[in-house]
Amino acid sequence: MFGNIQEKQAEMQKKLSTINVEAEAGDGAIKVTANAARQIIDIKISPDFKFNDYEELEDLLLTAVNRAIGKAAEIEAAESQKMISEMLPPGFGNLGSLFGM
């Protein structure tokens, strides 16, 4: 049984690494792409973006990264719930709700 769980988790991680999400900050001045495995894939800064100081740029980067990670976490949670419900025997579909899923 545990081997099957480990297999399913590995499959899910592989799947999550193929799902991309994008978030932005500063009205699109900063765009961050991450995958649902919560890995940052790309960061783009618009060439038109004129920042006043490095602190402003750092704040916008943090905002965009945190938004991307948040979106990735939502997808990861949904995929985890789906995996668990598929592994449960018939009739136990709502068991995941006992664990806050």
PDB file of N, CA and C in Angstrom:
ATOM      1  N   MET A   1       0.822  -1.196   0.000  1.00  0.00           N
ATOM      2  CA  MET A   1       0.000   0.000   0.000  1.00  0.00           C
ATOM      3  C   MET A   1       0.868   1.263   0.000  1.00  0.00           C
ATOM      4  N   PHE A   2       1.918   1.294   0.864  1.00  0.00           N
ATOM      5  CA  PHE A   2       2.740   2.492   0.933  1.00  0.00           C
ATOM      6  C   PHE A   2       3.542   2.704  -0.345  1.00  0.00           C
ATOM      7  N   GLY A   3       3.935   1.610  -0.999  1.00  0.00           N
ATOM      8  CA  GLY A   3       4.616   1.743  -2.279  1.00  0.00           C
ATOM      9  C   GLY A   3       3.735   2.442  -3.283  1.00  0.00           C
ATOM     10  N   ASN A   4       2.450   2.099  -3.268  1.00  0.00           N
ATOM     11  CA  ASN A   4       1.493   2.725  -4.172  1.00  0.00           C
ATOM     12  C   ASN A   4       1.355   4.216  -3.872  1.00  0.00           C
ATOM     13  N   ILE A   5       1.369   4.565  -2.601  1.00  0.00           N
ATOM     14  CA  ILE A   5       1.277   5.976  -2.215  1.00  0.00           C
ATOM     15  C   ILE A   5       2.507   6.730  -2.709  1.00  0.00           C
ATOM     16  N   GLN A   6       3.670   6.154  -2.528  1.00  0.00           N
ATOM     17  CA  GLN A   6       4.902   6.800  -2.985  1.00  0.00           C
ATOM     18  C   GLN A   6       4.899   6.961  -4.500  1.00  0.00           C
ATOM     19  N   GLU A   7       4.405   5.937  -5.193  1.00  0.00           N
ATOM     20  CA  GLU A   7       4.287   6.023  -6.659  1.00  0.00           C
ATOM     21  C   GLU A   7       3.366   7.161  -7.058  1.00  0.00           C
ATOM     22  N   LYS A   8       2.209   7.227  -6.405  1.00  0.00           N
ATOM     23  CA  LYS A   8       1.220   8.267  -6.717  1.00  0.00           C
ATOM     24  C   LYS A   8       1.792   9.661  -6.428  1.00  0.00           C
ATOM     25  N   GLN A   9       2.523   9.793  -5.327  1.00  0.00           N
ATOM     26  CA  GLN A   9       3.124  11.082  -5.000  1.00  0.00           C
ATOM     27  C   GLN A   9       4.155  11.483  -6.047  1.00  0.00           C
ATOM     28  N   ALA A  10       4.947  10.525  -6.503  1.00  0.00           N
ATOM     29  CA  ALA A  10       5.943  10.816  -7.539  1.00  0.00           C
ATOM     30  C   ALA A  10       5.261  11.233  -8.832  1.00  0.00           C
ATOM     31  N   GLU A  11       4.183  10.531  -9.178  1.00  0.00           N
ATOM     32  CA  GLU A  11       3.412  10.885 -10.384  1.00  0.00           C
ATOM     33  C   GLU A  11       2.839  12.289 -10.248  1.00  0.00           C
ATOM     34  N   MET A  12       2.311  12.584  -9.053  1.00  0.00           N
ATOM     35  CA  MET A  12       1.712  13.894  -8.846  1.00  0.00           C
ATOM     36  C   MET A  12       2.774  14.991  -8.951  1.00  0.00           C
ATOM     37  N   GLN A  13       3.954  14.792  -8.361  1.00  0.00           N
ATOM     38  CA  GLN A  13       5.016  15.788  -8.450  1.00  0.00           C
ATOM     39  C   GLN A  13       5.425  16.025  -9.906  1.00  0.00           C
ATOM     40  N   LYS A  14       5.487  14.945 -10.667  1.00  0.00           N
ATOM     41  CA  LYS A  14       5.825  15.070 -12.091  1.00  0.00           C
ATOM     42  C   LYS A  14       4.760  15.899 -12.812  1.00  0.00           C
ATOM     43  N   LYS A  15       3.494  15.601 -12.511  1.00  0.00           N
ATOM     44  CA  LYS A  15       2.389  16.338 -13.130  1.00  0.00           C
ATOM     45  C   LYS A  15       2.430  17.815 -12.714  1.00  0.00           C
ATOM     46  N   LEU A  16       2.644  18.068 -11.413  1.00  0.00           N
ATOM     47  CA  LEU A  16       2.679  19.440 -10.912  1.00  0.00           C
ATOM     48  C   LEU A  16       3.780  20.257 -11.582  1.00  0.00           C
ATOM     49  N   SER A  17       4.880  19.597 -11.889  1.00  0.00           N
ATOM     50  CA  SER A  17       5.995  20.324 -12.512  1.00  0.00           C
ATOM     51  C   SER A  17       5.685  20.743 -13.945  1.00  0.00           C
ATOM     52  N   THR A  18       4.600  20.213 -14.516  1.00  0.00           N
ATOM     53  CA  THR A  18       4.223  20.581 -15.885  1.00  0.00           C
ATOM     54  C   THR A  18       3.122  21.642 -15.932  1.00  0.00           C
ATOM     55  N   ILE A  19       2.556  21.975 -14.787  1.00  0.00           N
ATOM     56  CA  ILE A  19       1.470  22.959 -14.723  1.00  0.00           C
ATOM     57  C   ILE A  19       2.070  24.312 -14.342  1.00  0.00           C
ATOM     58  N   ASN A  20       1.955  25.281 -15.211  1.00  0.00           N
ATOM     59  CA  ASN A  20       2.520  26.611 -14.960  1.00  0.00           C
ATOM     60  C   ASN A  20       1.460  27.610 -14.530  1.00  0.00           C
ATOM     61  N   VAL A  21       1.860  28.502 -13.634  1.00  0.00           N
ATOM     62  CA  VAL A  21       1.008  29.608 -13.211  1.00  0.00           C
ATOM     63  C   VAL A  21       1.818  30.886 -13.363  1.00  0.00           C
ATOM     64  N   GLU A  22       1.103  31.986 -13.555  1.00  0.00           N
ATOM     65  CA  GLU A  22       1.784  33.266 -13.706  1.00  0.00           C
ATOM     66  C   GLU A  22       1.130  34.273 -12.779  1.00  0.00           C
ATOM     67  N   ALA A  23       1.951  35.111 -12.189  1.00  0.00           N
ATOM     68  CA  ALA A  23       1.459  36.184 -11.330  1.00  0.00           C
ATOM     69  C   ALA A  23       2.243  37.443 -11.663  1.00  0.00           C
ATOM     70  N   GLU A  24       1.640  38.574 -11.351  1.00  0.00           N
ATOM     71  CA  GLU A  24       2.321  39.834 -11.655  1.00  0.00           C
ATOM     72  C   GLU A  24       2.135  40.832 -10.528  1.00  0.00           C
ATOM     73  N   ALA A  25       2.921  41.865 -10.604  1.00  0.00           N
ATOM     74  CA  ALA A  25       2.835  42.973  -9.646  1.00  0.00           C
ATOM     75  C   ALA A  25       3.204  44.248 -10.393  1.00  0.00           C
ATOM     76  N   GLY A  26       2.817  45.365  -9.808  1.00  0.00           N
ATOM     77  CA  GLY A  26       3.131  46.648 -10.434  1.00  0.00           C
ATOM     78  C   GLY A  26       2.452  46.822 -11.769  1.00  0.00           C
ATOM     79  N   ASP A  27       1.175  46.450 -11.842  1.00  0.00           N
ATOM     80  CA  ASP A  27       0.398  46.555 -13.088  1.00  0.00           C
ATOM     81  C   ASP A  27       1.099  45.867 -14.260  1.00  0.00           C
ATOM     82  N   GLY A  28       1.666  44.696 -13.986  1.00  0.00           N
ATOM     83  CA  GLY A  28       2.309  43.924 -15.048  1.00  0.00           C
ATOM     84  C   GLY A  28       3.780  44.232 -15.262  1.00  0.00           C
ATOM     85  N   ALA A  29       4.333  45.119 -14.455  1.00  0.00           N
ATOM     86  CA  ALA A  29       5.747  45.460 -14.615  1.00  0.00           C
ATOM     87  C   ALA A  29       6.647  44.269 -14.291  1.00  0.00           C
ATOM     88  N   ILE A  30       6.223  43.454 -13.321  1.00  0.00           N
ATOM     89  CA  ILE A  30       6.957  42.261 -12.914  1.00  0.00           C
ATOM     90  C   ILE A  30       6.042  41.065 -13.140  1.00  0.00           C
ATOM     91  N   LYS A  31       6.533  40.061 -13.859  1.00  0.00           N
ATOM     92  CA  LYS A  31       5.771  38.831 -14.075  1.00  0.00           C
ATOM     93  C   LYS A  31       6.625  37.650 -13.638  1.00  0.00           C
ATOM     94  N   VAL A  32       6.007  36.795 -12.831  1.00  0.00           N
ATOM     95  CA  VAL A  32       6.697  35.608 -12.330  1.00  0.00           C
ATOM     96  C   VAL A  32       5.924  34.381 -12.785  1.00  0.00           C
ATOM     97  N   THR A  33       6.657  33.421 -13.333  1.00  0.00           N
ATOM     98  CA  THR A  33       6.069  32.150 -13.725  1.00  0.00           C
ATOM     99  C   THR A  33       6.627  31.079 -12.796  1.00  0.00           C
ATOM    100  N   ALA A  34       5.726  30.263 -12.279  1.00  0.00           N
ATOM    101  CA  ALA A  34       6.111  29.148 -11.410  1.00  0.00           C
ATOM    102  C   ALA A  34       5.357  27.920 -11.884  1.00  0.00           C
ATOM    103  N   ASN A  35       5.797  26.761 -11.434  1.00  0.00           N
ATOM    104  CA  ASN A  35       4.997  25.573 -11.708  1.00  0.00           C
ATOM    105  C   ASN A  35       4.259  25.195 -10.429  1.00  0.00           C
ATOM    106  N   ALA A  36       3.327  24.264 -10.554  1.00  0.00           N
ATOM    107  CA  ALA A  36       2.506  23.887  -9.409  1.00  0.00           C
ATOM    108  C   ALA A  36       3.292  23.100  -8.367  1.00  0.00           C
ATOM    109  N   ALA A  37       4.535  22.745  -8.671  1.00  0.00           N
ATOM    110  CA  ALA A  37       5.416  22.123  -7.681  1.00  0.00           C
ATOM    111  C   ALA A  37       6.141  23.208  -6.880  1.00  0.00           C
ATOM    112  N   ARG A  38       5.712  24.454  -7.047  1.00  0.00           N
ATOM    113  CA  ARG A  38       6.225  25.621  -6.327  1.00  0.00           C
ATOM    114  C   ARG A  38       7.678  25.941  -6.658  1.00  0.00           C
ATOM    115  N   GLN A  39       8.027  25.774  -7.906  1.00  0.00           N
ATOM    116  CA  GLN A  39       9.354  26.152  -8.382  1.00  0.00           C
ATOM    117  C   GLN A  39       9.209  27.369  -9.284  1.00  0.00           C
ATOM    118  N   ILE A  40      10.020  28.392  -9.051  1.00  0.00           N
ATOM    119  CA  ILE A  40      10.004  29.575  -9.900  1.00  0.00           C
ATOM    120  C   ILE A  40      10.703  29.209 -11.196  1.00  0.00           C
ATOM    121  N   ILE A  41      10.030  29.460 -12.317  1.00  0.00           N
ATOM    122  CA  ILE A  41      10.553  29.100 -13.628  1.00  0.00           C
ATOM    123  C   ILE A  41      11.137  30.319 -14.337  1.00  0.00           C
ATOM    124  N   ASP A  42      10.470  31.466 -14.170  1.00  0.00           N
ATOM    125  CA  ASP A  42      10.895  32.640 -14.921  1.00  0.00           C
ATOM    126  C   ASP A  42      10.457  33.911 -14.192  1.00  0.00           C
ATOM    127  N   ILE A  43      11.251  34.945 -14.329  1.00  0.00           N
ATOM    128  CA  ILE A  43      10.900  36.277 -13.839  1.00  0.00           C
ATOM    129  C   ILE A  43      11.183  37.260 -14.960  1.00  0.00           C
ATOM    130  N   LYS A  44      10.178  38.031 -15.305  1.00  0.00           N
ATOM    131  CA  LYS A  44      10.311  39.045 -16.351  1.00  0.00           C
ATOM    132  C   LYS A  44      10.060  40.429 -15.755  1.00  0.00           C
ATOM    133  N   ILE A  45      10.894  41.359 -16.117  1.00  0.00           N
ATOM    134  CA  ILE A  45      10.705  42.757 -15.739  1.00  0.00           C
ATOM    135  C   ILE A  45      10.514  43.529 -17.035  1.00  0.00           C
ATOM    136  N   SER A  46       9.400  44.212 -17.127  1.00  0.00           N
ATOM    137  CA  SER A  46       9.087  44.973 -18.330  1.00  0.00           C
ATOM    138  C   SER A  46      10.174  46.013 -18.583  1.00  0.00           C
ATOM    139  N   PRO A  47      10.634  46.108 -19.833  1.00  0.00           N
ATOM    140  CA  PRO A  47      11.645  47.122 -20.147  1.00  0.00           C
ATOM    141  C   PRO A  47      11.111  48.548 -19.973  1.00  0.00           C
ATOM    142  N   ASP A  48       9.800  48.695 -19.963  1.00  0.00           N
ATOM    143  CA  ASP A  48       9.190  50.011 -19.768  1.00  0.00           C
ATOM    144  C   ASP A  48       9.087  50.413 -18.302  1.00  0.00           C
ATOM    145  N   PHE A  49       9.324  49.460 -17.420  1.00  0.00           N
ATOM    146  CA  PHE A  49       9.184  49.723 -15.990  1.00  0.00           C
ATOM    147  C   PHE A  49      10.333  50.595 -15.483  1.00  0.00           C
ATOM    148  N   LYS A  50       9.971  51.708 -14.904  1.00  0.00           N
ATOM    149  CA  LYS A  50      10.953  52.628 -14.325  1.00  0.00           C
ATOM    150  C   LYS A  50      10.744  52.646 -12.813  1.00  0.00           C
ATOM    151  N   PHE A  51      11.643  52.026 -12.089  1.00  0.00           N
ATOM    152  CA  PHE A  51      11.495  52.010 -10.640  1.00  0.00           C
ATOM    153  C   PHE A  51      12.309  53.138 -10.023  1.00  0.00           C
ATOM    154  N   ASN A  52      11.829  53.590  -8.878  1.00  0.00           N
ATOM    155  CA  ASN A  52      12.464  54.728  -8.207  1.00  0.00           C
ATOM    156  C   ASN A  52      13.672  54.321  -7.377  1.00  0.00           C
ATOM    157  N   ASP A  53      13.597  53.129  -6.812  1.00  0.00           N
ATOM    158  CA  ASP A  53      14.719  52.646  -6.020  1.00  0.00           C
ATOM    159  C   ASP A  53      14.672  51.115  -5.963  1.00  0.00           C
ATOM    160  N   TYR A  54      15.735  50.534  -5.503  1.00  0.00           N
ATOM    161  CA  TYR A  54      15.808  49.074  -5.463  1.00  0.00           C
ATOM    162  C   TYR A  54      14.814  48.477  -4.475  1.00  0.00           C
ATOM    163  N   GLU A  55      14.475  49.206  -3.438  1.00  0.00           N
ATOM    164  CA  GLU A  55      13.501  48.708  -2.474  1.00  0.00           C
ATOM    165  C   GLU A  55      12.140  48.509  -3.139  1.00  0.00           C
ATOM    166  N   GLU A  56      11.761  49.429  -4.004  1.00  0.00           N
ATOM    167  CA  GLU A  56      10.498  49.298  -4.739  1.00  0.00           C
ATOM    168  C   GLU A  56      10.530  48.054  -5.619  1.00  0.00           C
ATOM    169  N   LEU A  57      11.618  47.846  -6.334  1.00  0.00           N
ATOM    170  CA  LEU A  57      11.766  46.672  -7.192  1.00  0.00           C
ATOM    171  C   LEU A  57      11.716  45.390  -6.366  1.00  0.00           C
ATOM    172  N   GLU A  58      12.411  45.372  -5.243  1.00  0.00           N
ATOM    173  CA  GLU A  58      12.405  44.196  -4.371  1.00  0.00           C
ATOM    174  C   GLU A  58      11.001  43.887  -3.864  1.00  0.00           C
ATOM    175  N   ASP A  59      10.259  44.921  -3.468  1.00  0.00           N
ATOM    176  CA  ASP A  59       8.888  44.732  -2.984  1.00  0.00           C
ATOM    177  C   ASP A  59       7.991  44.145  -4.068  1.00  0.00           C
ATOM    178  N   LEU A  60       8.114  44.663  -5.281  1.00  0.00           N
ATOM    179  CA  LEU A  60       7.300  44.148  -6.382  1.00  0.00           C
ATOM    180  C   LEU A  60       7.666  42.702  -6.716  1.00  0.00           C
ATOM    181  N   LEU A  61       8.959  42.397  -6.683  1.00  0.00           N
ATOM    182  CA  LEU A  61       9.399  41.018  -6.924  1.00  0.00           C
ATOM    183  C   LEU A  61       8.833  40.072  -5.872  1.00  0.00           C
ATOM    184  N   LEU A  62       8.917  40.476  -4.612  1.00  0.00           N
ATOM    185  CA  LEU A  62       8.372  39.642  -3.540  1.00  0.00           C
ATOM    186  C   LEU A  62       6.876  39.431  -3.707  1.00  0.00           C
ATOM    187  N   THR A  63       6.168  40.479  -4.042  1.00  0.00           N
ATOM    188  CA  THR A  63       4.725  40.380  -4.242  1.00  0.00           C
ATOM    189  C   THR A  63       4.396  39.404  -5.358  1.00  0.00           C
ATOM    190  N   ALA A  64       5.053  39.547  -6.498  1.00  0.00           N
ATOM    191  CA  ALA A  64       4.771  38.671  -7.637  1.00  0.00           C
ATOM    192  C   ALA A  64       5.149  37.221  -7.329  1.00  0.00           C
ATOM    193  N   VAL A  65       6.287  37.011  -6.680  1.00  0.00           N
ATOM    194  CA  VAL A  65       6.709  35.645  -6.331  1.00  0.00           C
ATOM    195  C   VAL A  65       5.713  35.019  -5.358  1.00  0.00           C
ATOM    196  N   ASN A  66       5.314  35.753  -4.336  1.00  0.00           N
ATOM    197  CA  ASN A  66       4.360  35.211  -3.363  1.00  0.00           C
ATOM    198  C   ASN A  66       3.012  34.900  -4.000  1.00  0.00           C
ATOM    199  N   ARG A  67       2.585  35.717  -4.932  1.00  0.00           N
ATOM    200  CA  ARG A  67       1.323  35.443  -5.639  1.00  0.00           C
ATOM    201  C   ARG A  67       1.438  34.173  -6.475  1.00  0.00           C
ATOM    202  N   ALA A  68       2.554  34.011  -7.159  1.00  0.00           N
ATOM    203  CA  ALA A  68       2.762  32.812  -7.980  1.00  0.00           C
ATOM    204  C   ALA A  68       2.806  31.563  -7.104  1.00  0.00           C
ATOM    205  N   ILE A  69       3.515  31.638  -5.995  1.00  0.00           N
ATOM    206  CA  ILE A  69       3.592  30.495  -5.079  1.00  0.00           C
ATOM    207  C   ILE A  69       2.218  30.181  -4.500  1.00  0.00           C
ATOM    208  N   GLY A  70       1.443  31.207  -4.202  1.00  0.00           N
ATOM    209  CA  GLY A  70       0.075  31.005  -3.699  1.00  0.00           C
ATOM    210  C   GLY A  70      -0.798  30.282  -4.707  1.00  0.00           C
ATOM    211  N   LYS A  71      -0.728  30.691  -5.968  1.00  0.00           N
ATOM    212  CA  LYS A  71      -1.494  30.010  -7.015  1.00  0.00           C
ATOM    213  C   LYS A  71      -1.040  28.565  -7.159  1.00  0.00           C
ATOM    214  N   ALA A  72       0.268  28.347  -7.101  1.00  0.00           N
ATOM    215  CA  ALA A  72       0.812  26.994  -7.209  1.00  0.00           C
ATOM    216  C   ALA A  72       0.324  26.128  -6.050  1.00  0.00           C
ATOM    217  N   ALA A  73       0.282  26.690  -4.855  1.00  0.00           N
ATOM    218  CA  ALA A  73      -0.166  25.944  -3.676  1.00  0.00           C
ATOM    219  C   ALA A  73      -1.627  25.533  -3.808  1.00  0.00           C
ATOM    220  N   GLU A  74      -2.455  26.409  -4.382  1.00  0.00           N
ATOM    221  CA  GLU A  74      -3.866  26.074  -4.591  1.00  0.00           C
ATOM    222  C   GLU A  74      -4.009  24.888  -5.531  1.00  0.00           C
ATOM    223  N   ILE A  75      -3.259  24.902  -6.608  1.00  0.00           N
ATOM    224  CA  ILE A  75      -3.317  23.792  -7.566  1.00  0.00           C
ATOM    225  C   ILE A  75      -2.789  22.519  -6.918  1.00  0.00           C
ATOM    226  N   GLU A  76      -1.702  22.629  -6.177  1.00  0.00           N
ATOM    227  CA  GLU A  76      -1.132  21.461  -5.504  1.00  0.00           C
ATOM    228  C   GLU A  76      -2.142  20.853  -4.535  1.00  0.00           C
ATOM    229  N   ALA A  77      -2.843  21.681  -3.773  1.00  0.00           N
ATOM    230  CA  ALA A  77      -3.847  21.193  -2.829  1.00  0.00           C
ATOM    231  C   ALA A  77      -4.982  20.473  -3.547  1.00  0.00           C
ATOM    232  N   ALA A  78      -5.441  21.045  -4.640  1.00  0.00           N
ATOM    233  CA  ALA A  78      -6.522  20.412  -5.407  1.00  0.00           C
ATOM    234  C   ALA A  78      -6.077  19.069  -5.983  1.00  0.00           C
ATOM    235  N   GLU A  79      -4.861  19.022  -6.503  1.00  0.00           N
ATOM    236  CA  GLU A  79      -4.346  17.769  -7.067  1.00  0.00           C
ATOM    237  C   GLU A  79      -4.129  16.726  -5.971  1.00  0.00           C
ATOM    238  N   SER A  80      -3.688  17.147  -4.791  1.00  0.00           N
ATOM    239  CA  SER A  80      -3.505  16.222  -3.670  1.00  0.00           C
ATOM    240  C   SER A  80      -4.842  15.632  -3.240  1.00  0.00           C
ATOM    241  N   GLN A  81      -5.848  16.485  -3.143  1.00  0.00           N
ATOM    242  CA  GLN A  81      -7.179  16.017  -2.770  1.00  0.00           C
ATOM    243  C   GLN A  81      -7.708  15.025  -3.795  1.00  0.00           C
ATOM    244  N   LYS A  82      -7.503  15.326  -5.061  1.00  0.00           N
ATOM    245  CA  LYS A  82      -7.943  14.440  -6.131  1.00  0.00           C
ATOM    246  C   LYS A  82      -7.237  13.086  -6.024  1.00  0.00           C
ATOM    247  N   MET A  83      -5.928  13.100  -5.778  1.00  0.00           N
ATOM    248  CA  MET A  83      -5.165  11.863  -5.667  1.00  0.00           C
ATOM    249  C   MET A  83      -5.672  11.022  -4.495  1.00  0.00           C
ATOM    250  N   ILE A  84      -5.909  11.662  -3.351  1.00  0.00           N
ATOM    251  CA  ILE A  84      -6.376  10.929  -2.178  1.00  0.00           C
ATOM    252  C   ILE A  84      -7.749  10.331  -2.422  1.00  0.00           C
ATOM    253  N   SER A  85      -8.652  11.099  -3.028  1.00  0.00           N
ATOM    254  CA  SER A  85     -10.001  10.587  -3.276  1.00  0.00           C
ATOM    255  C   SER A  85      -9.982   9.426  -4.265  1.00  0.00           C
ATOM    256  N   GLU A  86      -9.045   9.443  -5.204  1.00  0.00           N
ATOM    257  CA  GLU A  86      -8.931   8.338  -6.158  1.00  0.00           C
ATOM    258  C   GLU A  86      -8.380   7.077  -5.494  1.00  0.00           C
ATOM    259  N   MET A  87      -7.611   7.239  -4.418  1.00  0.00           N
ATOM    260  CA  MET A  87      -7.015   6.097  -3.734  1.00  0.00           C
ATOM    261  C   MET A  87      -7.962   5.454  -2.724  1.00  0.00           C
ATOM    262  N   LEU A  88      -8.981   6.207  -2.290  1.00  0.00           N
ATOM    263  CA  LEU A  88      -9.906   5.674  -1.293  1.00  0.00           C
ATOM    264  C   LEU A  88     -10.826   4.630  -1.918  1.00  0.00           C
ATOM    265  N   PRO A  89     -11.198   3.636  -1.128  1.00  0.00           N
ATOM    266  CA  PRO A  89     -12.141   2.638  -1.634  1.00  0.00           C
ATOM    267  C   PRO A  89     -13.492   3.289  -1.940  1.00  0.00           C
ATOM    268  N   PRO A  90     -14.289   2.669  -2.814  1.00  0.00           N
ATOM    269  CA  PRO A  90     -15.617   3.209  -3.122  1.00  0.00           C
ATOM    270  C   PRO A  90     -16.435   3.416  -1.851  1.00  0.00           C
ATOM    271  N   GLY A  91     -17.136   4.534  -1.800  1.00  0.00           N
ATOM    272  CA  GLY A  91     -17.960   4.849  -0.648  1.00  0.00           C
ATOM    273  C   GLY A  91     -17.242   5.663   0.420  1.00  0.00           C
ATOM    274  N   PHE A  92     -15.944   5.838   0.281  1.00  0.00           N
ATOM    275  CA  PHE A  92     -15.170   6.602   1.250  1.00  0.00           C
ATOM    276  C   PHE A  92     -14.747   7.960   0.682  1.00  0.00           C
ATOM    277  N   GLY A  93     -15.401   8.408  -0.361  1.00  0.00           N
ATOM    278  CA  GLY A  93     -15.025   9.638  -1.052  1.00  0.00           C
ATOM    279  C   GLY A  93     -14.981  10.876  -0.181  1.00  0.00           C
ATOM    280  N   ASN A  94     -15.823  10.946   0.863  1.00  0.00           N
ATOM    281  CA  ASN A  94     -15.853  12.127   1.720  1.00  0.00           C
ATOM    282  C   ASN A  94     -14.901  12.019   2.909  1.00  0.00           C
ATOM    283  N   LEU A  95     -14.149  10.954   2.991  1.00  0.00           N
ATOM    284  CA  LEU A  95     -13.223  10.754   4.098  1.00  0.00           C
ATOM    285  C   LEU A  95     -12.157  11.850   4.144  1.00  0.00           C
ATOM    286  N   GLY A  96     -11.783  12.364   2.983  1.00  0.00           N
ATOM    287  CA  GLY A  96     -10.786  13.431   2.938  1.00  0.00           C
ATOM    288  C   GLY A  96     -11.201  14.665   3.697  1.00  0.00           C
ATOM    289  N   SER A  97     -12.517  14.906   3.833  1.00  0.00           N
ATOM    290  CA  SER A  97     -12.992  16.082   4.560  1.00  0.00           C
ATOM    291  C   SER A  97     -12.673  16.001   6.046  1.00  0.00           C
ATOM    292  N   LEU A  98     -12.459  14.802   6.555  1.00  0.00           N
ATOM    293  CA  LEU A  98     -12.080  14.642   7.964  1.00  0.00           C
ATOM    294  C   LEU A  98     -10.691  15.220   8.229  1.00  0.00           C
ATOM    295  N   PHE A  99      -9.878  15.288   7.180  1.00  0.00           N
ATOM    296  CA  PHE A  99      -8.521  15.767   7.312  1.00  0.00           C
ATOM    297  C   PHE A  99      -8.355  17.190   6.773  1.00  0.00           C
ATOM    298  N   GLY A 100      -9.476  17.881   6.577  1.00  0.00           N
ATOM    299  CA  GLY A 100      -9.429  19.261   6.110  1.00  0.00           C
ATOM    300  C   GLY A 100      -9.156  19.395   4.637  1.00  0.00           C
ATOM    301  N   MET A 101      -9.445  18.381   3.865  1.00  0.00           N
ATOM    302  CA  MET A 101      -9.190  18.421   2.425  1.00  0.00           C
ATOM    303  C   MET A 101     -10.443  18.725   1.672  1.00  0.00           C
TER     304      MET A 101
END
